[in-house]
Amino acid sequence: MLLIPCPWCGPRPELEFHHGGEAHIARPEDPSALSGTEWAAFLYHRGNPKGSHAERWRHQHGCGRFFNCVRDTVTDRIVVTYKPDEKRPA
């Protein structure tokens, strides 16, 4: 079981969290200007890298807040977690 450090609550078991997909995805400023293909690409095409990957998580059974997490997809090791308004740490 993963121990995920919530930026507000501290380390908690992974069962308290819900994965929210890739982090730092900006919504288009004018979605109505996109073609169907472009909108589908925004909704469904995400990176699936091997190694370090920034993800969005929600502490569903805790504070209820969203946060970002850098996780190594090979080892499943949590590298760092940080608040949504913060930049990804180096």
N, C-alpha and C. Protein backbone atom coordinates (compact mmCIF):
# COMPACT_ATOMS: atom_id res chain seq x y z
N MET A 1 0.84 -1.18 0.00
CA MET A 1 0.00 0.00 0.00
C MET A 1 0.89 1.24 0.00
N LEU A 2 0.49 2.23 -0.80
CA LEU A 2 1.21 3.50 -0.85
C LEU A 2 0.83 4.35 0.36
N LEU A 3 1.79 5.11 0.84
CA LEU A 3 1.56 6.12 1.86
C LEU A 3 1.73 7.45 1.14
N ILE A 4 0.62 8.16 0.94
CA ILE A 4 0.65 9.40 0.17
C ILE A 4 0.62 10.59 1.12
N PRO A 5 1.61 11.49 1.02
CA PRO A 5 1.62 12.67 1.90
C PRO A 5 0.73 13.79 1.36
N CYS A 6 -0.43 13.97 1.98
CA CYS A 6 -1.31 15.09 1.63
C CYS A 6 -0.63 16.37 2.10
N PRO A 7 -0.59 17.42 1.26
CA PRO A 7 0.06 18.67 1.67
C PRO A 7 -0.59 19.32 2.90
N TRP A 8 -1.85 18.99 3.18
CA TRP A 8 -2.54 19.59 4.32
C TRP A 8 -2.64 18.65 5.52
N CYS A 9 -2.79 17.36 5.28
CA CYS A 9 -3.06 16.40 6.37
C CYS A 9 -1.87 15.52 6.73
N GLY A 10 -0.85 15.50 5.89
CA GLY A 10 0.29 14.62 6.14
C GLY A 10 0.10 13.25 5.50
N PRO A 11 0.99 12.32 5.79
CA PRO A 11 0.94 10.99 5.18
C PRO A 11 -0.30 10.19 5.58
N ARG A 12 -0.96 9.64 4.55
CA ARG A 12 -2.16 8.84 4.77
C ARG A 12 -2.13 7.65 3.81
N PRO A 13 -2.86 6.56 4.11
CA PRO A 13 -2.88 5.41 3.21
C PRO A 13 -3.62 5.73 1.91
N GLU A 14 -3.18 5.10 0.82
CA GLU A 14 -3.72 5.38 -0.51
C GLU A 14 -5.23 5.19 -0.60
N LEU A 15 -5.83 4.39 0.27
CA LEU A 15 -7.28 4.15 0.23
C LEU A 15 -8.09 5.41 0.49
N GLU A 16 -7.46 6.44 1.06
CA GLU A 16 -8.16 7.70 1.34
C GLU A 16 -8.19 8.63 0.13
N PHE A 17 -7.50 8.26 -0.95
CA PHE A 17 -7.32 9.17 -2.08
C PHE A 17 -7.99 8.67 -3.35
N HIS A 18 -8.24 9.62 -4.25
CA HIS A 18 -8.78 9.30 -5.57
C HIS A 18 -7.88 9.95 -6.62
N HIS A 19 -7.46 9.15 -7.59
CA HIS A 19 -6.58 9.63 -8.66
C HIS A 19 -7.39 10.51 -9.62
N GLY A 20 -6.83 11.64 -10.00
CA GLY A 20 -7.54 12.57 -10.86
C GLY A 20 -6.92 12.78 -12.23
N GLY A 21 -5.98 11.94 -12.62
CA GLY A 21 -5.38 12.05 -13.94
C GLY A 21 -4.13 12.91 -13.95
N GLU A 22 -3.72 13.27 -15.15
CA GLU A 22 -2.49 14.04 -15.36
C GLU A 22 -2.66 15.46 -14.82
N ALA A 23 -1.62 15.97 -14.18
CA ALA A 23 -1.64 17.33 -13.62
C ALA A 23 -1.24 18.35 -14.67
N HIS A 24 -1.56 19.59 -14.40
CA HIS A 24 -1.15 20.75 -15.21
C HIS A 24 -1.73 20.73 -16.62
N ILE A 25 -2.95 20.26 -16.77
CA ILE A 25 -3.65 20.30 -18.05
C ILE A 25 -4.51 21.57 -18.06
N ALA A 26 -4.23 22.48 -18.97
CA ALA A 26 -4.97 23.74 -19.04
C ALA A 26 -6.18 23.58 -19.96
N ARG A 27 -7.34 24.00 -19.46
CA ARG A 27 -8.56 23.95 -20.25
C ARG A 27 -8.47 25.01 -21.35
N PRO A 28 -8.93 24.70 -22.57
CA PRO A 28 -8.91 25.70 -23.65
C PRO A 28 -9.72 26.94 -23.26
N GLU A 29 -9.22 28.12 -23.63
CA GLU A 29 -9.91 29.36 -23.29
C GLU A 29 -11.27 29.47 -23.96
N ASP A 30 -11.38 28.99 -25.19
CA ASP A 30 -12.65 29.03 -25.91
C ASP A 30 -12.95 27.63 -26.48
N PRO A 31 -13.54 26.75 -25.66
CA PRO A 31 -13.80 25.38 -26.13
C PRO A 31 -14.69 25.32 -27.37
N SER A 32 -15.58 26.28 -27.53
CA SER A 32 -16.49 26.25 -28.68
C SER A 32 -15.76 26.50 -30.01
N ALA A 33 -14.55 27.04 -29.94
CA ALA A 33 -13.77 27.30 -31.15
C ALA A 33 -13.02 26.04 -31.63
N LEU A 34 -13.01 25.01 -30.81
CA LEU A 34 -12.28 23.78 -31.18
C LEU A 34 -13.13 22.89 -32.07
N SER A 35 -12.46 22.17 -32.93
CA SER A 35 -13.17 21.16 -33.74
C SER A 35 -13.46 19.95 -32.84
N GLY A 36 -14.27 19.06 -33.33
CA GLY A 36 -14.57 17.85 -32.58
C GLY A 36 -13.32 17.03 -32.30
N THR A 37 -12.43 16.97 -33.27
CA THR A 37 -11.18 16.22 -33.11
C THR A 37 -10.29 16.88 -32.06
N GLU A 38 -10.20 18.21 -32.08
CA GLU A 38 -9.38 18.93 -31.10
C GLU A 38 -9.96 18.78 -29.69
N TRP A 39 -11.29 18.85 -29.57
CA TRP A 39 -11.93 18.70 -28.26
C TRP A 39 -11.73 17.28 -27.72
N ALA A 40 -11.85 16.29 -28.58
CA ALA A 40 -11.62 14.90 -28.17
C ALA A 40 -10.17 14.72 -27.72
N ALA A 41 -9.23 15.34 -28.43
CA ALA A 41 -7.83 15.25 -28.04
C ALA A 41 -7.61 15.87 -26.66
N PHE A 42 -8.25 17.01 -26.38
CA PHE A 42 -8.14 17.64 -25.06
C PHE A 42 -8.71 16.73 -23.98
N LEU A 43 -9.84 16.12 -24.24
CA LEU A 43 -10.50 15.30 -23.23
C LEU A 43 -9.80 13.97 -22.97
N TYR A 44 -9.29 13.34 -24.01
CA TYR A 44 -8.86 11.95 -23.87
C TYR A 44 -7.38 11.66 -24.07
N HIS A 45 -6.63 12.51 -24.74
CA HIS A 45 -5.23 12.21 -25.02
C HIS A 45 -4.35 12.73 -23.89
N ARG A 46 -3.77 11.81 -23.16
CA ARG A 46 -2.89 12.17 -22.05
C ARG A 46 -1.58 11.40 -22.18
N GLY A 47 -0.57 11.95 -21.54
CA GLY A 47 0.72 11.27 -21.54
C GLY A 47 0.68 10.04 -20.65
N ASN A 48 1.49 9.08 -20.97
CA ASN A 48 1.60 7.87 -20.17
C ASN A 48 3.08 7.51 -20.09
N PRO A 49 3.87 8.40 -19.45
CA PRO A 49 5.32 8.21 -19.48
C PRO A 49 5.80 7.10 -18.55
N LYS A 50 6.93 6.58 -18.89
CA LYS A 50 7.61 5.63 -18.02
C LYS A 50 8.58 6.47 -17.19
N GLY A 51 8.38 6.49 -15.89
CA GLY A 51 9.23 7.28 -15.01
C GLY A 51 8.45 8.36 -14.29
N SER A 52 9.07 9.51 -14.08
CA SER A 52 8.49 10.61 -13.32
C SER A 52 7.28 11.21 -14.05
N HIS A 53 6.17 11.36 -13.33
CA HIS A 53 4.93 11.82 -13.94
C HIS A 53 4.15 12.65 -12.92
N ALA A 54 3.71 13.85 -13.33
CA ALA A 54 2.91 14.71 -12.45
C ALA A 54 1.44 14.32 -12.58
N GLU A 55 0.82 14.05 -11.44
CA GLU A 55 -0.58 13.60 -11.40
C GLU A 55 -1.38 14.48 -10.46
N ARG A 56 -2.68 14.44 -10.64
CA ARG A 56 -3.61 15.15 -9.77
C ARG A 56 -4.28 14.12 -8.87
N TRP A 57 -4.38 14.42 -7.58
CA TRP A 57 -5.02 13.53 -6.63
C TRP A 57 -5.99 14.33 -5.77
N ARG A 58 -6.96 13.64 -5.19
CA ARG A 58 -7.90 14.26 -4.25
C ARG A 58 -7.92 13.44 -2.97
N HIS A 59 -7.78 14.12 -1.84
CA HIS A 59 -7.86 13.45 -0.54
C HIS A 59 -9.33 13.28 -0.18
N GLN A 60 -9.94 12.32 -0.85
CA GLN A 60 -11.38 12.11 -0.81
C GLN A 60 -11.90 11.83 0.59
N HIS A 61 -11.24 10.99 1.35
CA HIS A 61 -11.71 10.62 2.69
C HIS A 61 -10.90 11.33 3.76
N GLY A 62 -10.56 12.56 3.49
CA GLY A 62 -9.80 13.39 4.43
C GLY A 62 -10.27 14.83 4.28
N CYS A 63 -9.36 15.72 3.90
CA CYS A 63 -9.70 17.14 3.78
C CYS A 63 -10.52 17.45 2.53
N GLY A 64 -10.56 16.52 1.55
CA GLY A 64 -11.34 16.73 0.34
C GLY A 64 -10.68 17.60 -0.70
N ARG A 65 -9.46 18.01 -0.46
CA ARG A 65 -8.78 18.93 -1.38
C ARG A 65 -8.01 18.19 -2.46
N PHE A 66 -7.85 18.88 -3.61
CA PHE A 66 -7.02 18.38 -4.69
C PHE A 66 -5.58 18.83 -4.45
N PHE A 67 -4.64 18.04 -4.92
CA PHE A 67 -3.24 18.40 -4.88
C PHE A 67 -2.53 17.68 -6.02
N ASN A 68 -1.29 18.09 -6.27
CA ASN A 68 -0.49 17.46 -7.31
C ASN A 68 0.57 16.56 -6.68
N CYS A 69 0.94 15.56 -7.42
CA CYS A 69 1.88 14.56 -6.93
C CYS A 69 2.79 14.14 -8.07
N VAL A 70 4.09 14.11 -7.82
CA VAL A 70 5.02 13.56 -8.80
C VAL A 70 5.31 12.13 -8.34
N ARG A 71 4.98 11.17 -9.22
CA ARG A 71 5.13 9.75 -8.89
C ARG A 71 5.93 9.07 -9.99
N ASP A 72 6.81 8.18 -9.59
CA ASP A 72 7.56 7.38 -10.56
C ASP A 72 6.68 6.21 -10.96
N THR A 73 6.33 6.13 -12.22
CA THR A 73 5.39 5.10 -12.68
C THR A 73 6.03 3.72 -12.76
N VAL A 74 7.36 3.65 -12.69
CA VAL A 74 8.04 2.36 -12.73
C VAL A 74 8.07 1.73 -11.34
N THR A 75 8.46 2.54 -10.34
CA THR A 75 8.62 2.03 -8.97
C THR A 75 7.41 2.31 -8.10
N ASP A 76 6.50 3.16 -8.55
CA ASP A 76 5.32 3.60 -7.79
C ASP A 76 5.70 4.46 -6.58
N ARG A 77 6.93 4.97 -6.58
CA ARG A 77 7.40 5.80 -5.47
C ARG A 77 6.88 7.23 -5.63
N ILE A 78 6.35 7.78 -4.54
CA ILE A 78 5.92 9.18 -4.51
C ILE A 78 7.17 10.03 -4.32
N VAL A 79 7.46 10.90 -5.28
CA VAL A 79 8.64 11.76 -5.21
C VAL A 79 8.34 12.99 -4.37
N VAL A 80 7.22 13.66 -4.67
CA VAL A 80 6.85 14.87 -3.95
C VAL A 80 5.36 15.14 -4.17
N THR A 81 4.73 15.77 -3.20
CA THR A 81 3.36 16.28 -3.37
C THR A 81 3.39 17.79 -3.13
N TYR A 82 2.47 18.50 -3.78
CA TYR A 82 2.45 19.95 -3.64
C TYR A 82 1.05 20.48 -3.95
N LYS A 83 0.77 21.67 -3.45
CA LYS A 83 -0.55 22.28 -3.61
C LYS A 83 -0.77 22.70 -5.06
N PRO A 84 -2.03 22.73 -5.52
CA PRO A 84 -2.33 23.03 -6.92
C PRO A 84 -1.84 24.39 -7.41
N ASP A 85 -1.74 25.36 -6.53
CA ASP A 85 -1.31 26.69 -6.96
C ASP A 85 0.22 26.83 -6.99
N GLU A 86 0.94 25.76 -6.64
CA GLU A 86 2.39 25.78 -6.66
C GLU A 86 2.91 25.17 -7.96
N LYS A 87 4.08 25.61 -8.38
CA LYS A 87 4.70 25.03 -9.58
C LYS A 87 5.30 23.68 -9.24
N ARG A 88 5.45 22.85 -10.27
CA ARG A 88 6.05 21.53 -10.07
C ARG A 88 7.50 21.71 -9.59
N PRO A 89 7.85 21.10 -8.46
CA PRO A 89 9.23 21.19 -7.98
C PRO A 89 10.21 20.54 -8.97
N ALA A 90 11.42 21.07 -8.99
CA ALA A 90 12.46 20.55 -9.90
C ALA A 90 12.89 19.16 -9.50
